[in-house]
All heavy atoms as atom14 arrays in JSON, in Angstrom:
{
  "sequence": "MAVTVRKVLVDSGSEFTWIPEPALKEAGVRAVKKDLSFLMA",
  "atom14_mask": [
    [1, 1, 1, 1, 1, 1, 1, 1, 0, 0, 0, 0, 0, 0],
    [1, 1, 1, 1, 1, 0, 0, 0, 0, 0, 0, 0, 0, 0],
    [1, 1, 1, 1, 1, 1, 1, 0, 0, 0, 0, 0, 0, 0],
    [1, 1, 1, 1, 1, 1, 1, 0, 0, 0, 0, 0, 0, 0],
    [1, 1, 1, 1, 1, 1, 1, 0, 0, 0, 0, 0, 0, 0],
    [1, 1, 1, 1, 1, 1, 1, 1, 1, 1, 1, 0, 0, 0],
    [1, 1, 1, 1, 1, 1, 1, 1, 1, 0, 0, 0, 0, 0],
    [1, 1, 1, 1, 1, 1, 1, 0, 0, 0, 0, 0, 0, 0],
    [1, 1, 1, 1, 1, 1, 1, 1, 0, 0, 0, 0, 0, 0],
    [1, 1, 1, 1, 1, 1, 1, 0, 0, 0, 0, 0, 0, 0],
    [1, 1, 1, 1, 1, 1, 1, 1, 0, 0, 0, 0, 0, 0],
    [1, 1, 1, 1, 1, 1, 0, 0, 0, 0, 0, 0, 0, 0],
    [1, 1, 1, 1, 0, 0, 0, 0, 0, 0, 0, 0, 0, 0],
    [1, 1, 1, 1, 1, 1, 0, 0, 0, 0, 0, 0, 0, 0],
    [1, 1, 1, 1, 1, 1, 1, 1, 1, 0, 0, 0, 0, 0],
    [1, 1, 1, 1, 1, 1, 1, 1, 1, 1, 1, 0, 0, 0],
    [1, 1, 1, 1, 1, 1, 1, 0, 0, 0, 0, 0, 0, 0],
    [1, 1, 1, 1, 1, 1, 1, 1, 1, 1, 1, 1, 1, 1],
    [1, 1, 1, 1, 1, 1, 1, 1, 0, 0, 0, 0, 0, 0],
    [1, 1, 1, 1, 1, 1, 1, 0, 0, 0, 0, 0, 0, 0],
    [1, 1, 1, 1, 1, 1, 1, 1, 1, 0, 0, 0, 0, 0],
    [1, 1, 1, 1, 1, 1, 1, 0, 0, 0, 0, 0, 0, 0],
    [1, 1, 1, 1, 1, 0, 0, 0, 0, 0, 0, 0, 0, 0],
    [1, 1, 1, 1, 1, 1, 1, 1, 0, 0, 0, 0, 0, 0],
    [1, 1, 1, 1, 1, 1, 1, 1, 1, 0, 0, 0, 0, 0],
    [1, 1, 1, 1, 1, 1, 1, 1, 1, 0, 0, 0, 0, 0],
    [1, 1, 1, 1, 1, 0, 0, 0, 0, 0, 0, 0, 0, 0],
    [1, 1, 1, 1, 0, 0, 0, 0, 0, 0, 0, 0, 0, 0],
    [1, 1, 1, 1, 1, 1, 1, 0, 0, 0, 0, 0, 0, 0],
    [1, 1, 1, 1, 1, 1, 1, 1, 1, 1, 1, 0, 0, 0],
    [1, 1, 1, 1, 1, 0, 0, 0, 0, 0, 0, 0, 0, 0],
    [1, 1, 1, 1, 1, 1, 1, 0, 0, 0, 0, 0, 0, 0],
    [1, 1, 1, 1, 1, 1, 1, 1, 1, 0, 0, 0, 0, 0],
    [1, 1, 1, 1, 1, 1, 1, 1, 1, 0, 0, 0, 0, 0],
    [1, 1, 1, 1, 1, 1, 1, 1, 0, 0, 0, 0, 0, 0],
    [1, 1, 1, 1, 1, 1, 1, 1, 0, 0, 0, 0, 0, 0],
    [1, 1, 1, 1, 1, 1, 0, 0, 0, 0, 0, 0, 0, 0],
    [1, 1, 1, 1, 1, 1, 1, 1, 1, 1, 1, 0, 0, 0],
    [1, 1, 1, 1, 1, 1, 1, 1, 0, 0, 0, 0, 0, 0],
    [1, 1, 1, 1, 1, 1, 1, 1, 0, 0, 0, 0, 0, 0],
    [1, 1, 1, 1, 1, 0, 0, 0, 0, 0, 0, 0, 0, 0]
  ],
  "atom14_positions": [
    [[0.86, -1.2, -0.01], [0.01, 0.0, 0.01], [0.9, 1.24, 0.01], [1.59, 1.54, 0.98], [-0.93, 0.0, 1.25], [-1.93, -1.12, 1.24], [-3.02, -1.06, 2.66], [-3.99, 0.41, 2.28], [0.0, 0.0, 0.0], [0.0, 0.0, 0.0], [0.0, 0.0, 0.0], [0.0, 0.0, 0.0], [0.0, 0.0, 0.0], [0.0, 0.0, 0.0]],
    [[0.95, 1.91, -1.12], [1.84, 3.04, -1.3], [1.18, 4.09, -2.21], [0.28, 3.75, -2.99], [3.17, 2.59, -1.84], [0.0, 0.0, 0.0], [0.0, 0.0, 0.0], [0.0, 0.0, 0.0], [0.0, 0.0, 0.0], [0.0, 0.0, 0.0], [0.0, 0.0, 0.0], [0.0, 0.0, 0.0], [0.0, 0.0, 0.0], [0.0, 0.0, 0.0]],
    [[1.62, 5.3, -2.12], [1.15, 6.37, -2.97], [2.3, 7.3, -3.31], [3.2, 7.49, -2.52], [0.01, 7.15, -2.27], [0.45, 7.83, -1.02], [-0.68, 8.12, -3.24], [0.0, 0.0, 0.0], [0.0, 0.0, 0.0], [0.0, 0.0, 0.0], [0.0, 0.0, 0.0], [0.0, 0.0, 0.0], [0.0, 0.0, 0.0], [0.0, 0.0, 0.0]],
    [[2.28, 7.8, -4.53], [3.31, 8.83, -4.93], [2.69, 10.19, -4.63], [1.59, 10.47, -5.01], [3.64, 8.67, -6.41], [4.24, 7.38, -6.61], [4.66, 9.72, -6.84], [0.0, 0.0, 0.0], [0.0, 0.0, 0.0], [0.0, 0.0, 0.0], [0.0, 0.0, 0.0], [0.0, 0.0, 0.0], [0.0, 0.0, 0.0], [0.0, 0.0, 0.0]],
    [[3.52, 11.03, -4.01], [3.12, 12.41, -3.72], [4.06, 13.3, -4.52], [5.28, 13.21, -4.37], [3.19, 12.7, -2.21], [2.74, 14.15, -1.93], [2.37, 11.7, -1.41], [0.0, 0.0, 0.0], [0.0, 0.0, 0.0], [0.0, 0.0, 0.0], [0.0, 0.0, 0.0], [0.0, 0.0, 0.0], [0.0, 0.0, 0.0], [0.0, 0.0, 0.0]],
    [[3.53, 14.11, -5.35], [4.31, 14.95, -6.24], [4.61, 16.3, -5.56], [3.85, 16.85, -4.82], [3.53, 15.27, -7.52], [3.08, 14.02, -8.26], [4.08, 13.65, -9.29], [3.63, 12.45, -9.96], [4.4, 11.42, -10.19], [5.65, 11.42, -9.79], [3.97, 10.36, -10.84], [0.0, 0.0, 0.0], [0.0, 0.0, 0.0], [0.0, 0.0, 0.0]],
    [[5.8, 16.78, -5.9], [6.23, 18.13, -5.51], [6.07, 18.42, -4.01], [5.41, 19.37, -3.58], [5.49, 19.2, -6.34], [6.27, 20.5, -6.43], [5.6, 21.46, -7.41], [6.36, 22.74, -7.39], [5.69, 23.79, -8.18], [0.0, 0.0, 0.0], [0.0, 0.0, 0.0], [0.0, 0.0, 0.0], [0.0, 0.0, 0.0], [0.0, 0.0, 0.0]],
    [[6.74, 17.59, -3.22], [6.74, 17.74, -1.77], [7.81, 18.76, -1.38], [8.94, 18.62, -1.8], [6.97, 16.39, -1.03], [7.13, 16.57, 0.45], [5.85, 15.43, -1.35], [0.0, 0.0, 0.0], [0.0, 0.0, 0.0], [0.0, 0.0, 0.0], [0.0, 0.0, 0.0], [0.0, 0.0, 0.0], [0.0, 0.0, 0.0], [0.0, 0.0, 0.0]],
    [[7.43, 19.74, -0.58], [8.4, 20.74, -0.1], [9.31, 20.09, 0.91], [8.81, 19.47, 1.89], [7.68, 21.92, 0.53], [8.56, 22.95, 1.19], [9.43, 23.68, 0.19], [7.67, 23.94, 1.94], [0.0, 0.0, 0.0], [0.0, 0.0, 0.0], [0.0, 0.0, 0.0], [0.0, 0.0, 0.0], [0.0, 0.0, 0.0], [0.0, 0.0, 0.0]],
    [[10.61, 20.15, 0.71], [11.59, 19.61, 1.66], [12.22, 20.74, 2.4], [12.73, 21.67, 1.83], [12.68, 18.81, 0.91], [13.75, 18.28, 1.88], [12.05, 17.63, 0.13], [0.0, 0.0, 0.0], [0.0, 0.0, 0.0], [0.0, 0.0, 0.0], [0.0, 0.0, 0.0], [0.0, 0.0, 0.0], [0.0, 0.0, 0.0], [0.0, 0.0, 0.0]],
    [[12.19, 20.64, 3.72], [12.83, 21.59, 4.59], [13.88, 20.81, 5.39], [13.52, 20.03, 6.26], [11.8, 22.25, 5.52], [12.43, 23.24, 6.49], [13.69, 23.3, 6.56], [11.67, 23.92, 7.18], [0.0, 0.0, 0.0], [0.0, 0.0, 0.0], [0.0, 0.0, 0.0], [0.0, 0.0, 0.0], [0.0, 0.0, 0.0], [0.0, 0.0, 0.0]],
    [[15.15, 21.02, 5.09], [16.18, 20.2, 5.72], [16.29, 20.46, 7.22], [16.94, 19.65, 7.93], [17.54, 20.54, 5.06], [17.85, 21.89, 5.2], [0.0, 0.0, 0.0], [0.0, 0.0, 0.0], [0.0, 0.0, 0.0], [0.0, 0.0, 0.0], [0.0, 0.0, 0.0], [0.0, 0.0, 0.0], [0.0, 0.0, 0.0], [0.0, 0.0, 0.0]],
    [[15.65, 21.45, 7.76], [15.67, 21.69, 9.2], [14.48, 21.15, 9.95], [14.39, 21.28, 11.16], [0.0, 0.0, 0.0], [0.0, 0.0, 0.0], [0.0, 0.0, 0.0], [0.0, 0.0, 0.0], [0.0, 0.0, 0.0], [0.0, 0.0, 0.0], [0.0, 0.0, 0.0], [0.0, 0.0, 0.0], [0.0, 0.0, 0.0], [0.0, 0.0, 0.0]],
    [[13.57, 20.52, 9.23], [12.33, 20.01, 9.87], [12.61, 18.64, 10.52], [13.37, 17.82, 10.01], [11.23, 19.87, 8.84], [10.04, 19.39, 9.44], [0.0, 0.0, 0.0], [0.0, 0.0, 0.0], [0.0, 0.0, 0.0], [0.0, 0.0, 0.0], [0.0, 0.0, 0.0], [0.0, 0.0, 0.0], [0.0, 0.0, 0.0], [0.0, 0.0, 0.0]],
    [[11.9, 18.38, 11.64], [12.03, 17.11, 12.31], [10.95, 16.06, 11.86], [11.11, 14.92, 12.1], [11.89, 17.29, 13.8], [13.03, 18.09, 14.41], [12.92, 18.27, 15.88], [12.3, 17.37, 16.55], [13.33, 19.27, 16.41], [0.0, 0.0, 0.0], [0.0, 0.0, 0.0], [0.0, 0.0, 0.0], [0.0, 0.0, 0.0], [0.0, 0.0, 0.0]],
    [[9.89, 16.54, 11.23], [8.79, 15.68, 10.82], [8.54, 15.87, 9.3], [8.87, 16.91, 8.76], [7.51, 16.02, 11.56], [7.57, 15.64, 13.01], [8.03, 16.52, 13.95], [7.15, 14.37, 13.45], [8.09, 16.17, 15.31], [7.22, 14.0, 14.78], [7.67, 14.93, 15.72], [0.0, 0.0, 0.0], [0.0, 0.0, 0.0], [0.0, 0.0, 0.0]],
    [[7.93, 14.88, 8.69], [7.51, 14.96, 7.32], [6.01, 15.21, 7.3], [5.25, 14.53, 7.96], [7.82, 13.65, 6.59], [9.2, 13.37, 6.7], [7.42, 13.69, 5.13], [0.0, 0.0, 0.0], [0.0, 0.0, 0.0], [0.0, 0.0, 0.0], [0.0, 0.0, 0.0], [0.0, 0.0, 0.0], [0.0, 0.0, 0.0], [0.0, 0.0, 0.0]],
    [[5.6, 16.26, 6.56], [4.19, 16.62, 6.47], [3.66, 16.17, 5.11], [4.13, 16.67, 4.07], [4.05, 18.12, 6.6], [4.51, 18.64, 7.94], [5.75, 18.63, 8.43], [3.68, 19.24, 8.92], [5.78, 19.19, 9.71], [4.52, 19.58, 10.03], [2.33, 19.5, 9.03], [4.04, 20.18, 11.19], [1.88, 20.13, 10.19], [2.7, 20.43, 11.22]],
    [[2.71, 15.27, 5.1], [2.11, 14.72, 3.91], [0.61, 15.04, 3.95], [-0.01, 14.83, 5.01], [2.34, 13.21, 3.78], [3.85, 12.88, 3.77], [1.66, 12.61, 2.55], [4.61, 13.33, 2.57], [0.0, 0.0, 0.0], [0.0, 0.0, 0.0], [0.0, 0.0, 0.0], [0.0, 0.0, 0.0], [0.0, 0.0, 0.0], [0.0, 0.0, 0.0]],
    [[0.0, 15.43, 2.82], [-1.44, 15.68, 2.86], [-2.23, 14.45, 3.31], [-1.94, 13.33, 2.93], [-1.77, 16.05, 1.4], [-0.49, 16.54, 0.84], [0.59, 15.74, 1.54], [0.0, 0.0, 0.0], [0.0, 0.0, 0.0], [0.0, 0.0, 0.0], [0.0, 0.0, 0.0], [0.0, 0.0, 0.0], [0.0, 0.0, 0.0], [0.0, 0.0, 0.0]],
    [[-3.24, 14.71, 4.16], [-4.06, 13.63, 4.7], [-4.67, 12.72, 3.67], [-4.68, 11.49, 3.86], [-5.15, 14.21, 5.61], [-5.91, 13.17, 6.38], [-6.96, 13.76, 7.32], [-7.35, 14.94, 7.14], [-7.4, 13.03, 8.2], [0.0, 0.0, 0.0], [0.0, 0.0, 0.0], [0.0, 0.0, 0.0], [0.0, 0.0, 0.0], [0.0, 0.0, 0.0]],
    [[-5.18, 13.23, 2.54], [-5.78, 12.28, 1.52], [-4.76, 11.27, 1.04], [-5.08, 10.14, 0.77], [-6.26, 13.24, 0.41], [-6.53, 14.54, 1.12], [-5.44, 14.61, 2.17], [0.0, 0.0, 0.0], [0.0, 0.0, 0.0], [0.0, 0.0, 0.0], [0.0, 0.0, 0.0], [0.0, 0.0, 0.0], [0.0, 0.0, 0.0], [0.0, 0.0, 0.0]],
    [[-3.51, 11.68, 0.85], [-2.46, 10.77, 0.4], [-2.21, 9.69, 1.46], [-2.02, 8.51, 1.15], [-1.18, 11.5, 0.07], [0.0, 0.0, 0.0], [0.0, 0.0, 0.0], [0.0, 0.0, 0.0], [0.0, 0.0, 0.0], [0.0, 0.0, 0.0], [0.0, 0.0, 0.0], [0.0, 0.0, 0.0], [0.0, 0.0, 0.0], [0.0, 0.0, 0.0]],
    [[-2.15, 10.08, 2.71], [-1.91, 9.13, 3.82], [-3.04, 8.13, 3.89], [-2.83, 6.94, 4.05], [-1.77, 9.87, 5.14], [-0.53, 10.77, 5.24], [-0.58, 11.58, 6.52], [0.72, 9.91, 5.19], [0.0, 0.0, 0.0], [0.0, 0.0, 0.0], [0.0, 0.0, 0.0], [0.0, 0.0, 0.0], [0.0, 0.0, 0.0], [0.0, 0.0, 0.0]],
    [[-4.29, 8.61, 3.74], [-5.42, 7.73, 3.75], [-5.35, 6.74, 2.59], [-5.68, 5.54, 2.76], [-6.73, 8.51, 3.73], [-7.07, 9.15, 5.03], [-8.4, 9.83, 5.05], [-8.71, 10.41, 6.42], [-10.01, 11.03, 6.48], [0.0, 0.0, 0.0], [0.0, 0.0, 0.0], [0.0, 0.0, 0.0], [0.0, 0.0, 0.0], [0.0, 0.0, 0.0]],
    [[-4.97, 7.21, 1.43], [-4.87, 6.36, 0.24], [-3.84, 5.21, 0.5], [-4.02, 4.09, 0.03], [-4.47, 7.16, -1.0], [-4.45, 6.38, -2.26], [-4.13, 7.2, -3.49], [-4.31, 8.42, -3.47], [-3.75, 6.58, -4.5], [0.0, 0.0, 0.0], [0.0, 0.0, 0.0], [0.0, 0.0, 0.0], [0.0, 0.0, 0.0], [0.0, 0.0, 0.0]],
    [[-2.76, 5.54, 1.21], [-1.74, 4.54, 1.53], [-2.09, 3.69, 2.75], [-1.38, 2.78, 3.13], [-0.38, 5.23, 1.73], [0.0, 0.0, 0.0], [0.0, 0.0, 0.0], [0.0, 0.0, 0.0], [0.0, 0.0, 0.0], [0.0, 0.0, 0.0], [0.0, 0.0, 0.0], [0.0, 0.0, 0.0], [0.0, 0.0, 0.0], [0.0, 0.0, 0.0]],
    [[-3.2, 4.02, 3.37], [-3.63, 3.24, 4.52], [-2.88, 3.58, 5.8], [-2.87, 2.82, 6.75], [0.0, 0.0, 0.0], [0.0, 0.0, 0.0], [0.0, 0.0, 0.0], [0.0, 0.0, 0.0], [0.0, 0.0, 0.0], [0.0, 0.0, 0.0], [0.0, 0.0, 0.0], [0.0, 0.0, 0.0], [0.0, 0.0, 0.0], [0.0, 0.0, 0.0]],
    [[-2.21, 4.72, 5.84], [-1.48, 5.15, 7.03], [-2.47, 5.71, 8.04], [-3.29, 6.53, 7.7], [-0.41, 6.22, 6.67], [0.27, 6.73, 7.95], [0.59, 5.69, 5.68], [0.0, 0.0, 0.0], [0.0, 0.0, 0.0], [0.0, 0.0, 0.0], [0.0, 0.0, 0.0], [0.0, 0.0, 0.0], [0.0, 0.0, 0.0], [0.0, 0.0, 0.0]],
    [[-2.44, 5.16, 9.24], [-3.41, 5.6, 10.27], [-2.72, 6.46, 11.35], [-1.5, 6.28, 11.62], [-4.1, 4.43, 10.88], [-3.23, 3.48, 11.67], [-4.01, 2.32, 12.24], [-3.17, 1.44, 12.99], [-2.82, 1.63, 14.28], [-3.32, 2.64, 14.92], [-2.01, 0.78, 14.91], [0.0, 0.0, 0.0], [0.0, 0.0, 0.0], [0.0, 0.0, 0.0]],
    [[-3.47, 7.34, 11.95], [-2.96, 8.14, 13.02], [-2.8, 7.3, 14.28], [-3.66, 6.52, 14.64], [-3.92, 9.31, 13.3], [0.0, 0.0, 0.0], [0.0, 0.0, 0.0], [0.0, 0.0, 0.0], [0.0, 0.0, 0.0], [0.0, 0.0, 0.0], [0.0, 0.0, 0.0], [0.0, 0.0, 0.0], [0.0, 0.0, 0.0], [0.0, 0.0, 0.0]],
    [[-1.63, 7.44, 14.9], [-1.41, 6.68, 16.14], [-1.24, 7.61, 17.35], [-1.41, 7.16, 18.5], [-0.18, 5.73, 16.06], [-0.47, 4.58, 15.12], [1.06, 6.48, 15.61], [0.0, 0.0, 0.0], [0.0, 0.0, 0.0], [0.0, 0.0, 0.0], [0.0, 0.0, 0.0], [0.0, 0.0, 0.0], [0.0, 0.0, 0.0], [0.0, 0.0, 0.0]],
    [[-0.92, 8.86, 17.11], [-0.84, 9.85, 18.17], [-1.7, 11.01, 17.74], [-1.56, 11.49, 16.62], [0.6, 10.32, 18.4], [1.51, 9.24, 18.88], [2.88, 9.77, 19.13], [3.83, 8.69, 19.61], [5.17, 9.21, 19.84], [0.0, 0.0, 0.0], [0.0, 0.0, 0.0], [0.0, 0.0, 0.0], [0.0, 0.0, 0.0], [0.0, 0.0, 0.0]],
    [[-2.57, 11.48, 18.64], [-3.48, 12.56, 18.28], [-3.2, 13.78, 19.17], [-2.64, 13.64, 20.26], [-4.93, 12.13, 18.45], [-5.27, 10.97, 17.49], [-6.71, 10.6, 17.55], [-6.93, 9.38, 16.71], [-7.91, 9.49, 15.71], [0.0, 0.0, 0.0], [0.0, 0.0, 0.0], [0.0, 0.0, 0.0], [0.0, 0.0, 0.0], [0.0, 0.0, 0.0]],
    [[-3.57, 14.92, 18.65], [-3.49, 16.17, 19.41], [-2.08, 16.51, 19.88], [-1.9, 17.0, 21.0], [-4.45, 16.15, 20.6], [-5.88, 15.96, 20.16], [-6.26, 16.47, 19.1], [-6.66, 15.27, 20.91], [0.0, 0.0, 0.0], [0.0, 0.0, 0.0], [0.0, 0.0, 0.0], [0.0, 0.0, 0.0], [0.0, 0.0, 0.0], [0.0, 0.0, 0.0]],
    [[-1.1, 16.35, 19.0], [0.23, 16.8, 19.3], [0.38, 18.26, 18.89], [-0.08, 18.64, 17.82], [1.3, 15.93, 18.56], [1.41, 14.47, 18.95], [2.43, 13.78, 18.11], [1.78, 14.36, 20.43], [0.0, 0.0, 0.0], [0.0, 0.0, 0.0], [0.0, 0.0, 0.0], [0.0, 0.0, 0.0], [0.0, 0.0, 0.0], [0.0, 0.0, 0.0]],
    [[1.03, 19.04, 19.7], [1.25, 20.45, 19.41], [2.55, 20.68, 18.67], [3.56, 20.06, 19.02], [1.25, 21.28, 20.71], [-0.03, 21.21, 21.32], [0.0, 0.0, 0.0], [0.0, 0.0, 0.0], [0.0, 0.0, 0.0], [0.0, 0.0, 0.0], [0.0, 0.0, 0.0], [0.0, 0.0, 0.0], [0.0, 0.0, 0.0], [0.0, 0.0, 0.0]],
    [[2.51, 21.54, 17.65], [3.71, 21.88, 16.88], [3.86, 23.39, 16.83], [2.84, 24.08, 16.58], [3.6, 21.35, 15.46], [3.6, 19.84, 15.39], [2.4, 19.16, 15.44], [4.78, 19.14, 15.32], [2.4, 17.75, 15.36], [4.79, 17.76, 15.24], [3.57, 17.04, 15.29], [0.0, 0.0, 0.0], [0.0, 0.0, 0.0], [0.0, 0.0, 0.0]],
    [[5.02, 23.88, 17.09], [5.32, 25.31, 17.0], [5.85, 25.57, 15.6], [6.89, 25.03, 15.2], [6.38, 25.71, 18.04], [6.78, 27.21, 18.02], [5.55, 28.07, 18.29], [7.86, 27.42, 19.05], [0.0, 0.0, 0.0], [0.0, 0.0, 0.0], [0.0, 0.0, 0.0], [0.0, 0.0, 0.0], [0.0, 0.0, 0.0], [0.0, 0.0, 0.0]],
    [[5.14, 26.35, 14.84], [5.51, 26.68, 13.46], [6.57, 27.78, 13.44], [6.74, 28.51, 14.44], [4.29, 27.14, 12.68], [3.13, 26.14, 12.71], [3.55, 24.55, 12.02], [3.62, 24.98, 10.29], [0.0, 0.0, 0.0], [0.0, 0.0, 0.0], [0.0, 0.0, 0.0], [0.0, 0.0, 0.0], [0.0, 0.0, 0.0], [0.0, 0.0, 0.0]],
    [[7.22, 27.93, 12.3], [8.3, 28.93, 12.15], [7.76, 30.37, 12.35], [8.5, 31.24, 12.78], [8.94, 28.82, 10.78], [0.0, 0.0, 0.0], [0.0, 0.0, 0.0], [0.0, 0.0, 0.0], [0.0, 0.0, 0.0], [0.0, 0.0, 0.0], [0.0, 0.0, 0.0], [0.0, 0.0, 0.0], [0.0, 0.0, 0.0], [0.0, 0.0, 0.0]]
  ]
}
């Protein structure tokens, strides 16, 4: 179960990878941790 995501912005200083939810659902990736807080730039 895999999906190709086109033109993903890469930030070499980021600790996490951000993928659009519809793509994750298509690949069958499920959320395992909810309500995590992230401080944006």
